[in-house]
Protein backbone atom coordinates (compact mmCIF):
# COMPACT_ATOMS: atom_id res chain seq x y z
CA MET A 1 -2.38 28.00 -5.61
CA THR A 2 -1.39 26.51 -8.98
CA THR A 3 -3.46 26.81 -12.14
CA THR A 4 -2.90 25.90 -15.76
CA ALA A 5 -2.06 28.28 -18.55
CA SER A 6 -5.19 27.49 -20.56
CA GLY A 7 -8.24 25.30 -20.51
CA ALA A 8 -8.94 23.12 -17.49
CA GLY A 9 -6.71 23.81 -14.51
CA VAL A 10 -6.35 22.29 -11.07
CA VAL A 11 -6.76 24.58 -8.07
CA LEU A 12 -4.37 23.41 -5.35
CA LEU A 13 -4.43 24.13 -1.64
CA PRO A 14 -1.85 26.91 -1.20
CA ASP A 15 0.96 27.11 1.32
CA LEU A 16 -0.68 28.12 4.61
CA GLY A 17 2.52 29.08 6.42
CA GLU A 18 5.55 27.17 7.66
CA ASP A 19 3.77 25.90 10.76
CA ILE A 20 0.63 24.66 8.97
CA GLU A 21 0.93 21.16 7.51
CA GLU A 22 -2.69 20.28 6.83
CA ALA A 23 -6.27 21.52 7.03
CA ASP A 24 -9.72 19.99 7.44
CA VAL A 25 -12.44 20.71 4.89
CA LEU A 26 -15.48 22.01 6.78
CA GLN A 27 -17.66 22.90 3.80
CA VAL A 28 -17.47 23.03 -0.01
CA TYR A 29 -19.33 26.05 -1.36
CA VAL A 30 -19.48 25.13 -5.06
CA SER A 31 -20.82 22.29 -7.21
CA ILE A 32 -19.85 20.81 -10.56
CA GLY A 33 -21.05 23.11 -13.35
CA ASP A 34 -20.97 26.27 -11.22
CA GLU A 35 -19.48 29.40 -12.77
CA ILE A 36 -17.05 30.97 -10.30
CA VAL A 37 -15.24 34.31 -10.36
CA LEU A 38 -11.78 35.32 -9.23
CA GLU A 39 -11.35 35.37 -5.42
CA GLN A 40 -14.76 33.74 -4.88
CA PRO A 41 -14.75 31.55 -1.71
CA ILE A 42 -14.85 27.91 -2.84
CA ALA A 43 -14.47 26.08 0.47
CA GLU A 44 -14.22 26.64 4.21
CA ILE A 45 -11.17 25.04 5.81
CA GLU A 46 -9.95 24.72 9.38
CA THR A 47 -6.27 24.73 10.24
CA GLU A 48 -4.76 24.22 13.65
CA LYS A 49 -4.91 27.97 14.19
CA ALA A 50 -7.92 29.39 12.36
CA THR A 51 -11.01 28.78 10.26
CA LEU A 52 -10.95 30.55 6.92
CA ASP A 53 -12.45 30.65 3.44
CA LEU A 54 -10.34 29.44 0.52
CA PRO A 55 -10.59 31.89 -2.42
CA SER A 56 -10.38 30.76 -6.03
CA PRO A 57 -7.32 32.05 -7.93
CA VAL A 58 -9.07 31.63 -11.27
CA ALA A 59 -12.47 32.21 -12.87
CA GLY A 60 -14.30 29.59 -14.90
CA THR A 61 -16.55 26.54 -14.74
CA VAL A 62 -16.12 23.91 -12.03
CA THR A 63 -15.64 20.56 -13.77
CA GLU A 64 -14.44 18.44 -10.87
CA ILE A 65 -14.38 18.64 -7.07
CA HIS A 66 -11.56 16.66 -5.47
CA VAL A 67 -12.47 17.21 -1.80
CA ARG A 68 -15.49 16.77 0.38
CA THR A 69 -16.56 17.76 3.86
CA GLY A 70 -14.43 16.04 6.49
CA ASP A 71 -11.39 15.48 4.27
CA THR A 72 -7.92 16.38 5.54
CA ILE A 73 -5.81 18.03 2.86
CA ARG A 74 -2.28 19.38 2.66
CA PRO A 75 -0.65 22.22 0.72
CA GLY A 76 -0.35 21.12 -2.90
CA ASP A 77 -3.39 18.81 -2.80
CA PRO A 78 -6.01 19.37 -5.55
CA VAL A 79 -9.24 21.06 -4.50
CA LEU A 80 -11.08 21.79 -7.75
CA THR A 81 -10.65 21.45 -11.49
CA VAL A 82 -11.80 24.60 -13.23
CA ASP A 83 -12.26 25.09 -16.98
CA SER A 84 -11.09 28.66 -17.31
CA ALA A 85 -11.55 28.74 -21.11
CA PRO A 86 -14.63 30.69 -22.28
CA THR A 87 -17.40 28.23 -23.16
CA PRO A 88 -18.52 28.92 -26.78
CA ALA A 89 -22.12 28.81 -28.01
CA PRO A 90 -23.07 25.25 -28.98
CA SER A 91 -24.06 24.93 -32.66
CA PRO A 92 -23.09 27.56 -35.27
CA ALA A 93 -20.94 25.25 -37.47
CA PRO A 94 -17.47 26.38 -36.49
CA PRO A 95 -14.93 24.66 -38.77
CA SER A 96 -12.28 26.80 -37.07
CA ALA A 97 -12.92 24.93 -33.82
CA PRO A 98 -10.79 21.84 -34.58
CA PRO A 99 -7.38 23.58 -34.30
CA PRO A 100 -7.80 24.43 -30.59
CA SER A 101 -8.89 20.93 -29.66
CA PRO A 102 -5.68 19.09 -30.66
CA VAL A 103 -3.64 21.80 -28.91
CA GLN A 104 -5.84 21.48 -25.85
CA GLU A 105 -5.56 17.71 -25.47
CA THR A 106 -2.48 16.14 -27.08
CA PRO A 107 -0.22 16.61 -30.11
CA ALA A 108 -0.85 13.01 -31.21
CA GLN A 109 -4.45 13.57 -32.32
CA PRO A 110 -4.23 15.88 -35.38
CA ALA A 111 -3.57 12.98 -37.75
CA ALA A 112 -6.72 11.23 -36.62
CA ASN A 113 -8.75 14.42 -36.50
CA SER A 114 -7.94 15.72 -39.97
CA SER A 115 -10.85 13.73 -41.42
CA SER A 116 -14.58 14.20 -40.98
CA PRO A 117 -15.10 14.08 -37.17
CA PRO A 118 -13.90 17.65 -36.45
CA GLN A 119 -17.33 18.75 -35.26
CA ALA A 120 -17.36 16.14 -32.54
CA ASP A 121 -14.04 17.40 -31.19
CA PRO A 122 -15.12 20.60 -29.48
CA MET A 123 -17.48 18.64 -27.23
CA PRO A 124 -14.99 16.08 -25.82
CA GLN A 125 -12.45 18.87 -25.55
CA ALA A 126 -13.47 19.59 -21.94
CA ASP A 127 -13.18 15.92 -20.93
CA PRO A 128 -11.08 13.89 -23.36
CA THR A 129 -10.96 10.65 -21.36
CA PRO A 130 -14.29 8.99 -22.44
CA PRO A 131 -13.51 8.53 -26.22
CA ALA A 132 -11.40 5.68 -27.50
CA GLU A 133 -8.68 8.00 -28.82
CA PRO A 134 -6.60 8.20 -25.60
CA GLU A 135 -4.64 5.13 -26.79
CA PRO A 136 -2.86 6.98 -29.63
CA ALA A 137 -2.18 9.74 -27.11
CA ALA A 138 -0.21 7.38 -24.89
CA ALA A 139 3.17 8.52 -26.24
CA PRO A 140 3.03 12.16 -25.13
CA THR A 141 1.26 11.36 -21.85
CA PRO A 142 4.45 11.61 -19.71
CA LYS A 143 4.53 15.34 -20.45
CA VAL A 144 1.25 15.70 -18.65
CA ASP A 145 2.70 13.96 -15.57
CA ARG A 146 -0.11 11.46 -15.04
CA ASP A 147 1.68 9.58 -12.32
CA HIS A 148 -1.52 9.96 -10.37
CA PRO A 149 -4.74 8.47 -11.78
CA ALA A 150 -5.90 10.58 -14.72
CA PRO A 151 -9.54 10.86 -13.55
CA ILE A 152 -8.32 12.58 -10.36
CA LEU A 153 -5.89 15.24 -11.54
CA ARG A 154 -6.05 15.55 -15.34
CA VAL A 155 -3.32 18.22 -15.25
CA PRO A 156 -2.33 19.61 -18.69
CA PRO A 157 1.34 20.11 -19.56
CA ALA A 158 1.25 23.77 -18.54
CA ALA A 159 1.06 22.81 -14.83
CA PRO A 160 3.29 19.79 -14.14
CA ALA A 161 2.98 18.15 -10.75
CA PRO A 162 6.52 19.09 -9.60
CA LEU A 163 5.15 22.61 -9.04
CA VAL A 164 3.37 21.23 -6.00
CA GLU A 165 6.71 20.75 -4.29
CA GLY A 166 7.96 24.25 -5.02
CA ASP A 167 11.29 25.09 -3.46
CA LEU A 168 11.37 21.76 -1.61
CA GLU A 169 12.75 20.09 -4.77
CA SER A 170 16.20 21.52 -4.18
CA ARG A 171 16.45 20.23 -0.63
CA PRO A 172 17.82 16.81 0.31
CA VAL A 173 14.95 16.30 2.76
CA PHE A 174 11.38 17.31 1.87
CA ALA A 175 10.03 18.55 5.21
CA SER A 176 8.82 21.88 6.53
CA PRO A 177 10.67 23.72 9.33
CA SER A 178 8.01 22.74 11.85
CA VAL A 179 8.37 19.04 10.99
CA ARG A 180 12.17 19.29 11.20
CA ARG A 181 11.86 20.97 14.59
CA PHE A 182 9.45 18.31 15.83
CA ALA A 183 11.87 15.56 14.72
CA ARG A 184 14.70 17.24 16.63
CA GLU A 185 12.55 17.61 19.73
CA ILE A 186 11.72 13.89 19.91
CA GLY A 187 15.23 12.79 18.95
CA VAL A 188 14.63 11.54 15.39
CA ASP A 189 17.12 12.08 12.56
CA ILE A 190 14.92 13.59 9.86
CA ARG A 191 17.22 12.21 7.15
CA THR A 192 16.26 8.64 8.06
CA VAL A 193 12.49 9.19 7.90
CA PRO A 194 10.69 7.89 4.77
CA GLY A 195 8.10 10.39 3.55
CA SER A 196 4.58 9.37 2.56
CA GLY A 197 3.63 12.62 0.83
CA PRO A 198 4.05 13.69 -2.81
CA GLY A 199 7.66 13.38 -3.92
CA GLY A 200 8.62 11.83 -0.58
CA ARG A 201 7.47 14.81 1.50
CA ILE A 202 7.78 14.10 5.23
CA ASP A 203 5.02 15.14 7.62
CA GLN A 204 4.68 14.86 11.36
CA ALA A 205 2.84 11.54 11.13
CA ASP A 206 5.82 10.07 9.25
CA VAL A 207 8.18 11.21 12.01
CA LYS A 208 5.97 9.72 14.73
CA ARG A 209 5.62 6.44 12.86
CA HIS A 210 9.36 6.24 12.30
CA ALA A 211 10.02 6.95 15.99
CA ARG A 212 7.71 4.09 16.99
CA GLU A 213 9.26 1.68 14.53
CA THR A 214 12.87 2.57 15.42
CA PRO A 215 12.90 3.12 19.20
CA SER A 216 16.70 3.26 19.20
CA GLN A 217 16.45 6.79 17.81
CA ALA A 218 14.17 7.98 20.55
CA PRO A 219 15.76 10.11 23.30
CA ASP A 220 16.75 8.57 26.59
CA GLN A 221 14.56 10.87 28.61
CA GLY A 222 11.81 8.30 28.32
CA HIS A 223 8.87 10.65 28.05
CA SER A 224 8.82 10.77 24.25
CA ALA A 225 9.57 7.10 23.62
CA ARG A 226 7.21 5.60 26.14
CA SER A 227 3.49 5.28 25.81
CA PRO A 228 1.14 5.09 28.78
CA GLY A 229 -0.21 1.88 27.25
CA PRO A 230 -3.71 0.92 26.20
CA LEU A 231 -6.68 2.27 28.11
CA PRO A 232 -9.01 -0.06 29.98
CA ASP A 233 -12.44 -0.77 28.56
CA PHE A 234 -14.36 1.94 30.40
CA SER A 235 -17.69 0.57 29.16
CA GLU A 236 -17.28 -2.24 31.69
CA PHE A 237 -17.95 0.31 34.41
CA GLY A 238 -20.80 2.22 32.83
CA ALA A 239 -22.02 4.06 29.73
CA VAL A 240 -19.42 6.02 27.77
CA GLU A 241 -19.40 8.26 24.73
CA ARG A 242 -16.47 8.87 22.37
CA LEU A 243 -16.14 12.33 20.88
CA PRO A 244 -13.55 13.01 18.17
CA MET A 245 -11.14 15.79 19.12
CA SER A 246 -11.35 18.83 16.88
CA ARG A 247 -8.29 19.90 14.92
CA LEU A 248 -7.76 22.80 17.35
CA ARG A 249 -8.01 20.46 20.34
CA ARG A 250 -5.55 18.02 18.74
CA THR A 251 -3.18 20.91 18.07
CA ILE A 252 -3.42 22.11 21.68
CA LYS A 253 -2.75 18.54 22.85
CA ARG A 254 0.35 18.24 20.67
CA ASN A 255 1.74 21.69 21.48
CA MET A 256 1.19 21.34 25.21
CA THR A 257 2.82 17.89 25.22
CA VAL A 258 5.88 19.20 23.39
CA SER A 259 6.13 22.25 25.65
CA TRP A 260 5.72 20.25 28.86
CA HIS A 261 8.21 17.57 27.83
CA GLU A 262 10.86 19.82 26.32
CA VAL A 263 10.76 22.88 28.60
CA PRO A 264 11.65 22.69 32.31
CA HIS A 265 8.84 24.80 33.75
CA VAL A 266 9.11 26.84 36.93
CA THR A 267 6.13 28.84 38.20
CA LEU A 268 6.37 31.68 40.71
CA PHE A 269 3.34 33.13 42.47
CA HIS A 270 3.05 36.77 43.43
CA THR A 271 0.40 39.35 44.29
CA ALA A 272 0.05 43.00 43.36
CA ASP A 273 -2.03 45.78 44.85
CA VAL A 274 -4.25 46.98 41.97
CA THR A 275 -6.30 49.51 43.93
CA GLU A 276 -4.77 52.50 42.15
CA LEU A 277 -4.67 50.63 38.86
CA GLU A 278 -8.39 50.02 39.09
CA GLN A 279 -8.90 53.74 39.62
CA VAL A 280 -6.89 54.47 36.47
CA ARG A 281 -9.07 52.00 34.59
CA ARG A 282 -12.25 53.77 35.71
CA ASP A 283 -10.81 57.21 34.89
CA TYR A 284 -9.90 56.24 31.31
CA ARG A 285 -12.76 53.82 30.64
CA ASP A 286 -14.91 56.36 28.81
CA ARG A 287 -12.04 57.48 26.59
CA ALA A 288 -11.41 53.88 25.53
CA GLU A 289 -15.11 53.33 24.81
CA GLU A 290 -15.22 56.44 22.64
CA ALA A 291 -12.31 54.99 20.65
CA GLY A 292 -14.15 51.68 20.22
CA GLY A 293 -12.52 49.56 22.95
CA ARG A 294 -13.13 48.28 26.45
CA LEU A 295 -10.51 49.26 29.01
CA THR A 296 -9.87 46.09 31.00
CA ILE A 297 -7.15 45.16 33.46
CA THR A 298 -5.67 42.99 30.69
CA ALA A 299 -5.24 45.97 28.37
CA ILE A 300 -3.37 47.93 31.05
CA LEU A 301 -1.26 44.92 31.99
CA LEU A 302 -0.27 44.56 28.34
CA LYS A 303 1.38 47.97 28.56
CA ILE A 304 3.06 47.24 31.88
CA THR A 305 4.26 43.84 30.68
CA ALA A 306 5.77 45.38 27.53
CA ALA A 307 7.79 47.77 29.68
CA ALA A 308 8.88 44.87 31.89
CA LEU A 309 10.08 42.89 28.85
CA LEU A 310 12.19 45.83 27.69
CA ALA A 311 13.71 46.05 31.16
CA HIS A 312 14.31 42.26 31.28
CA PRO A 313 15.25 41.23 27.71
CA HIS A 314 16.05 37.62 28.64
CA VAL A 315 12.33 37.07 29.27
CA ASN A 316 11.52 38.20 25.72
CA SER A 317 13.46 35.39 24.08
CA SER A 318 13.60 31.94 22.52
CA ILE A 319 16.26 29.27 22.90
CA ASP A 320 18.00 27.63 19.94
CA VAL A 321 18.82 24.18 21.27
CA GLU A 322 20.90 23.21 18.23
CA SER A 323 23.32 26.12 18.44
CA ASP A 324 23.06 26.69 22.21
CA GLU A 325 22.12 30.32 21.60
CA LEU A 326 19.56 32.56 23.21
CA ILE A 327 17.60 34.63 20.69
CA LEU A 328 16.74 38.01 22.24
CA LYS A 329 13.86 39.67 20.43
CA LYS A 330 13.98 43.40 19.89
CA TYR A 331 10.24 43.52 19.27
CA VAL A 332 7.43 43.10 21.81
CA ASN A 333 4.59 41.04 20.35
CA VAL A 334 2.35 39.63 23.07
CA GLY A 335 0.07 36.67 22.51
CA VAL A 336 -3.16 36.96 24.47
CA ALA A 337 -5.01 33.75 25.35
CA VAL A 338 -8.68 33.95 24.31
CA ASP A 339 -11.36 31.42 25.26
CA THR A 340 -13.56 30.64 22.23
CA PRO A 341 -16.31 28.10 21.49
CA ARG A 342 -13.69 26.13 19.51
CA GLY A 343 -11.13 26.16 22.31
CA LEU A 344 -8.19 28.25 23.46
CA VAL A 345 -6.49 30.40 20.81
CA VAL A 346 -3.61 32.84 21.21
CA PRO A 347 -3.80 35.76 18.75
CA VAL A 348 -0.93 38.24 18.79
CA ILE A 349 -0.93 41.99 19.47
CA ARG A 350 2.16 43.48 17.83
CA ASP A 351 4.44 46.30 18.96
CA VAL A 352 2.75 46.55 22.36
CA ASP A 353 5.56 48.77 23.65
CA LYS A 354 4.77 51.42 21.03
CA LYS A 355 1.05 51.79 21.84
CA ASN A 356 -0.77 53.49 24.71
CA ILE A 357 -3.42 51.76 26.79
CA VAL A 358 -6.35 53.24 24.84
CA GLU A 359 -4.92 51.91 21.56
CA LEU A 360 -4.26 48.56 23.21
CA SER A 361 -7.80 48.40 24.58
CA VAL A 362 -9.24 48.95 21.09
CA GLU A 363 -7.00 46.32 19.52
CA LEU A 364 -7.58 43.82 22.32
CA THR A 365 -11.36 44.26 22.04
CA ASP A 366 -11.25 43.79 18.27
CA ILE A 367 -8.98 40.75 18.24
CA SER A 368 -10.90 39.03 21.04
CA GLU A 369 -14.22 39.48 19.24
CA ARG A 370 -12.79 38.21 15.96
CA ALA A 371 -11.23 35.23 17.74
CA ARG A 372 -14.58 34.20 19.22
CA SER A 373 -16.36 34.58 15.88
CA GLY A 374 -13.65 32.67 14.01
CA ASP A 375 -12.68 35.62 11.80
CA LEU A 376 -8.94 35.66 12.47
CA GLY A 377 -6.41 34.82 9.77
CA LEU A 378 -3.21 32.83 10.08
CA GLN A 379 -1.08 35.96 10.39
CA ASP A 380 -2.98 36.94 13.53
CA PHE A 381 -1.37 34.00 15.36
CA ARG A 382 2.23 34.38 14.26
CA GLY A 383 5.22 36.09 15.83
CA SER A 384 4.50 36.25 19.56
CA SER A 385 7.46 36.82 21.87
CA PHE A 386 5.60 36.50 25.20
CA THR A 387 2.16 35.35 26.34
CA LEU A 388 -0.43 36.80 28.71
CA THR A 389 -3.40 34.77 29.96
CA ASN A 390 -6.15 36.02 32.27
CA LEU A 391 -8.50 33.60 34.05
CA GLY A 392 -9.72 36.18 36.54
CA GLY A 393 -13.07 36.55 34.79
CA MET A 394 -13.77 32.88 35.57
CA GLY A 395 -13.03 33.25 39.26
CA THR A 396 -9.58 31.64 39.21
CA GLY A 397 -6.81 32.85 41.52
CA HIS A 398 -3.29 31.47 41.18
CA PHE A 399 -2.67 28.78 38.56
CA THR A 400 0.25 27.29 36.62
CA PRO A 401 0.16 28.38 32.96
CA ILE A 402 2.13 26.33 30.42
CA ILE A 403 4.62 28.16 28.20
CA HIS A 404 3.52 28.80 24.63
CA HIS A 405 6.49 27.26 22.78
CA PRO A 406 8.86 28.63 21.44
CA ASN A 407 8.45 31.50 23.91
CA THR A 408 10.30 31.14 27.20
CA ALA A 409 7.75 32.63 29.60
CA ILE A 410 4.07 33.32 30.21
CA LEU A 411 2.25 35.53 32.73
CA GLY A 412 -1.02 34.36 34.25
CA ILE A 413 -3.51 36.76 35.85
CA GLY A 414 -6.16 35.68 38.36
CA ARG A 415 -9.22 37.31 39.91
CA ALA A 416 -8.55 40.34 42.11
CA GLU A 417 -10.21 40.31 45.49
CA ARG A 418 -10.81 42.91 48.16
CA ARG A 419 -9.16 42.16 51.47
CA PRO A 420 -7.82 44.11 54.49
CA GLU A 421 -4.21 45.22 54.22
CA TRP A 422 -2.17 47.01 56.87
CA SER A 423 -1.41 50.66 56.10
CA ASP A 424 1.51 52.31 57.84
CA ALA A 425 0.23 55.72 56.76
CA LEU A 426 -3.12 55.11 58.44
CA ASP A 427 -1.63 52.99 61.20
CA GLY A 428 -4.48 50.59 60.64
CA TRP A 429 -6.23 48.23 58.25
CA GLU A 430 -7.83 49.33 55.00
CA PRO A 431 -9.55 47.49 52.13
CA ARG A 432 -7.33 46.94 49.09
CA SER A 433 -7.75 45.09 45.76
CA ILE A 434 -5.13 42.35 45.51
CA LEU A 435 -4.35 40.68 42.17
CA PRO A 436 -2.87 37.14 42.05
CA MET A 437 -0.16 36.63 39.39
CA SER A 438 1.52 33.44 38.18
CA PHE A 439 4.74 33.62 36.17
CA THR A 440 5.99 30.48 34.42
CA PHE A 441 9.42 30.54 32.79
CA ASP A 442 11.91 28.25 31.09
CA HIS A 443 14.52 27.31 33.69
CA ARG A 444 17.11 26.79 30.94
CA VAL A 445 16.95 30.52 30.22
CA MET A 446 16.22 32.06 33.62
CA ASP A 447 16.95 31.24 37.22
CA GLY A 448 14.50 31.63 40.06
CA ALA A 449 16.01 34.96 41.05
CA ASP A 450 15.53 36.27 37.49
CA GLY A 451 11.88 35.30 37.59
CA ALA A 452 11.43 36.88 41.01
CA ARG A 453 12.96 40.15 39.83
CA PHE A 454 10.64 40.22 36.82
CA MET A 455 7.56 39.62 38.97
CA THR A 456 8.59 42.19 41.57
CA TRP A 457 9.20 44.77 38.84
CA ILE A 458 5.68 44.27 37.49
CA ALA A 459 4.11 44.34 40.95
CA ASP A 460 5.90 47.61 41.82
CA VAL A 461 4.67 49.31 38.65
CA ILE A 462 1.12 48.04 39.20
CA ARG A 463 1.11 49.72 42.62
CA GLN A 464 1.99 53.06 40.98
CA PRO A 465 0.59 52.70 37.42
CA LEU A 466 0.95 56.34 36.40
CA VAL A 467 4.72 55.81 36.18
CA LEU A 468 4.49 53.61 33.11
CA ALA A 469 1.01 52.42 32.24
CA LEU A 470 0.00 55.68 30.59
CA GLY A 471 3.32 56.27 28.87
CA GLY A 472 3.82 55.81 25.12
C-alpha cells in the first residue's frame, strides 16, 4: 500500500503474495466525501484463494474512487485517493493559508499567487486541475510522474509511480515467481514475452498470448500448444444458459490443467480396517468436544498421515524441474480439501506431526468453518507439503484425486462401510468397518512400489491406531 507524504495520496492495492497476481472487486464500502480512519475496510476483494477486506493504510477524506464492483485489479493499481491533510474551517480570513497551497500543488505557482487571489487558493488546493493555472505548471509536471492521465492518478511528487514496481525495477524481467513458473511449464521463454502491465510487467495472460502467437516456443508434448477447437452452437439442440466462472473456479481450472498436464499421475487403491479406529474416535470424542473440536476420522488420519510422511520423506516433497532436484521438506504441513459454497479450497494445517489428535480436531473444525464462511486469509492457504481429501461424507468410495501442485502426492478417503470379513481368531465371519483409500503420486518422484509401501504403512497403523494415532 503506497500513500503520499502529505495532502492527497493514492491508496494502491498491496502485494497479496507471490502467487496472487490479481483480485476481483466484490464491493466498495466507501463513497466520495467519506471520512475514513486507519485500518478501516474500504473494499471487499476476492483473490484466487480467499475473499478478504482491504484495510485503508491512511486516514482522511475520500476524494476519488478508482475501482468499482466487478473490476479486476492487480497489485500496484490505484484503489482510492484520500486527502489525509486536516480539512480547515472554511472562512476565518487566513492570510497564512497561501504558503501551503503552492507547496501542495507545484513550485511554479508562487509568482502568480503573490497578488490578490490568495484567498481563492485554499479551495482549489484539494483539486487543482479545474483552474486555468495548470499551464504554467507544465514545466515541473514530470516530477509528479503524470504518465497516466492526471484525472485518474493525480499522484504528488512524494509518491512517484515507480514505487508501484518495488523491487521488480532491478530485475531484467518484470514477472512474479508464479508467472515465471507458468512460463516454464508451458515452454515459453519469459525473456521474449512483452509485458502489458505497468513498466512492462508480465502477467499470465501475456504469457498465454505470446504462446498462442509464437507456437514455435510451445513444447512438443502437444497438450499445451493445442486447443480443442471451437465449441458447437449448443443452442441448435435446445435452450442453454451461460454462467461466468467465478475467480475461484477459474483458478481451480487453471491449476488442475497445469497439474494434470505436467505431472504423470498414478493412483493406487487400498482399503483399511477402521473398526478399532472408530472405537478410538468414540472414546475420545467427548474430550475433543470439550476442547472445542469435533473428532472425525479426518482428524485422526491427519495424525497417522503425518507419521507416514516422516517415515517416507520422498512423499513429502516437491520436484525442481529446472535443477533436476528433489526438495525434501522437513516440515509436515497438510492441506485439507474443504467443500465450500464458492468451490473447493485447500487450507493448510501446519506442523501436524507436532500435535495430538485432540489439537488437530480443534484446528480442523476451526479452519473448516472459517473456509465455509469465507473468513480465511491468504496465509491460511500457503505452505502445504501434502494434501488430504475426504469424500466419504458424500457417499463416495474410491476415486482418483488430482495432485495439488507443487506437492507430489495426495491421499483420498472414501466412505467406510460395514461388511463381513473372515477372522482367523474366531474361525468365522465378523462385521468390520472397511475404509477405501486412494493414493495419487507423481511418478517422476516415486515408483509404484514406493506408493504401495506408503499405503500399506498407513493401512497397518489404522488397524492398530493406538501405536501412533494418540502419540505426540
